[in-house]
Structures are given as structure tokens and as C-alpha cells.
Amino acid sequence: NLMALIARSYRWLQDLKEGRVNNITEIAANEKMDDGDASRFIQFAFLAPEIVTSIFEGRQPLDLTSEKLKRLGSLPHSWSDQKSRLGY
């Protein structure tokens, strides 16, 4: 679930960059979800590369789950702040 959430956020960002969708509202409609959830989830495309790598290698902190990530709120812009906030 955690990997799928991150992969989906990357896909959404690519869809925006390549013009397949015009905004978060279209993404939310396509995914049949609330705009707020889509906005919160797309930010995971901006996770620190080390965090993404550790998740895909299964080395993330044990308590870092998709549910924890979904409840994160605003993702810090600084990669070091992201690591600290997510328990790295």
C-alpha cells in the first residue's frame, strides 16, 4: 500500500506535467476521491529520494505505513525535515 501510494503520486504529477489532466480536481474526479485527498497525496511525489528508496527496498521505519503517510498533513519541503518527521 505504501509503495502504491507513492507510485500513484508520481503518476499524477506526470499526468499534470504532460497535460493529461489540468488540475487536482480532474485527478480527484478520475480517481473518484475528494479533492483534498488528491491534494494531500500528490505531495508524496516530492518525498526525499532516500525515503522513497528505503520504502521500495523495505527499509523504512516500522511505523511508517500508508495510513501514517496519509495522515501526515503538509509534507515539509526540506528533505532533512521530512526524514525527521517520518522517523528516519
Protein backbone atom coordinates (compact mmCIF):
# COMPACT_ATOMS: atom_id res chain seq x y z
CA ASN A 1 0.00 0.00 0.00
CA LEU A 2 2.81 2.42 0.84
CA MET A 3 4.61 1.80 -2.45
CA ALA A 4 1.34 2.07 -4.37
CA LEU A 5 0.55 5.42 -2.72
CA ILE A 6 3.91 6.86 -3.71
CA ALA A 7 3.79 5.41 -7.23
CA ARG A 8 0.32 6.89 -7.72
CA SER A 9 1.54 10.33 -6.62
CA TYR A 10 4.35 10.17 -9.21
CA ARG A 11 1.84 9.16 -11.90
CA TRP A 12 -0.44 12.05 -11.02
CA LEU A 13 2.47 14.51 -11.20
CA GLN A 14 3.42 13.14 -14.62
CA ASP A 15 -0.20 13.42 -15.76
CA LEU A 16 -0.17 17.10 -14.77
CA LYS A 17 3.23 17.78 -16.34
CA GLU A 18 2.29 16.10 -19.61
CA GLY A 19 -1.14 17.73 -19.82
CA ARG A 20 -3.23 14.56 -19.48
CA VAL A 21 -5.07 16.37 -16.68
CA ASN A 22 -5.33 20.07 -16.00
CA ASN A 23 -5.55 20.16 -12.22
CA ILE A 24 -6.04 18.28 -8.96
CA THR A 25 -9.81 18.43 -9.39
CA GLU A 26 -9.54 16.32 -12.56
CA ILE A 27 -7.24 13.86 -10.82
CA ALA A 28 -9.70 13.54 -7.93
CA ALA A 29 -12.62 13.02 -10.33
CA ASN A 30 -10.67 10.35 -12.26
CA GLU A 31 -9.76 8.58 -9.01
CA LYS A 32 -13.25 9.04 -7.52
CA MET A 33 -11.86 10.75 -4.44
CA ASP A 34 -12.11 14.05 -2.65
CA ASP A 35 -10.03 16.97 -3.98
CA GLY A 36 -8.45 17.37 -0.55
CA ASP A 37 -7.23 13.78 -0.51
CA ALA A 38 -5.77 14.10 -4.01
CA SER A 39 -4.01 17.32 -2.99
CA ARG A 40 -2.60 15.71 0.14
CA PHE A 41 -1.47 12.55 -1.65
CA ILE A 42 0.22 14.19 -4.66
CA GLN A 43 2.77 15.78 -2.34
CA PHE A 44 4.33 12.33 -1.88
CA ALA A 45 5.87 12.74 -5.34
CA PHE A 46 8.21 15.18 -3.55
CA LEU A 47 9.50 12.83 -0.85
CA ALA A 48 13.25 12.80 -0.33
CA PRO A 49 14.88 10.28 -2.69
CA GLU A 50 16.39 8.42 0.28
CA ILE A 51 12.93 7.96 1.78
CA VAL A 52 11.50 6.63 -1.47
CA THR A 53 14.43 4.26 -1.93
CA SER A 54 14.15 2.93 1.61
CA ILE A 55 10.42 2.31 1.16
CA PHE A 56 10.90 0.46 -2.12
CA GLU A 57 13.68 -1.61 -0.52
CA GLY A 58 11.54 -2.32 2.56
CA ARG A 59 13.91 -0.49 4.93
CA GLN A 60 11.53 2.25 6.14
CA PRO A 61 10.81 2.67 9.86
CA LEU A 62 8.38 0.00 11.03
CA ASP A 63 5.74 2.56 11.95
CA LEU A 64 5.84 4.28 8.54
CA THR A 65 2.70 2.96 6.90
CA SER A 66 0.45 4.27 4.15
CA GLU A 67 -2.05 5.32 6.82
CA LYS A 68 0.58 7.31 8.70
CA LEU A 69 1.67 8.96 5.46
CA LYS A 70 -1.93 9.79 4.55
CA ARG A 71 -2.44 11.47 7.93
CA LEU A 72 0.81 13.41 7.70
CA GLY A 73 -0.78 16.70 6.70
CA SER A 74 1.61 19.06 4.99
CA LEU A 75 4.88 17.49 3.87
CA PRO A 76 7.93 19.55 4.89
CA HIS A 77 9.81 20.94 1.90
CA SER A 78 13.22 20.17 3.39
CA TRP A 79 14.34 16.59 2.86
CA SER A 80 16.05 16.54 6.24
CA ASP A 81 12.81 17.74 7.88
CA GLN A 82 10.90 15.02 6.02
CA LYS A 83 13.28 12.38 7.32
CA SER A 84 12.98 13.65 10.87
CA ARG A 85 9.17 13.85 10.71
CA LEU A 86 8.89 10.33 9.28
CA GLY A 87 11.19 8.73 11.84
CA TYR A 88 14.43 8.35 9.90
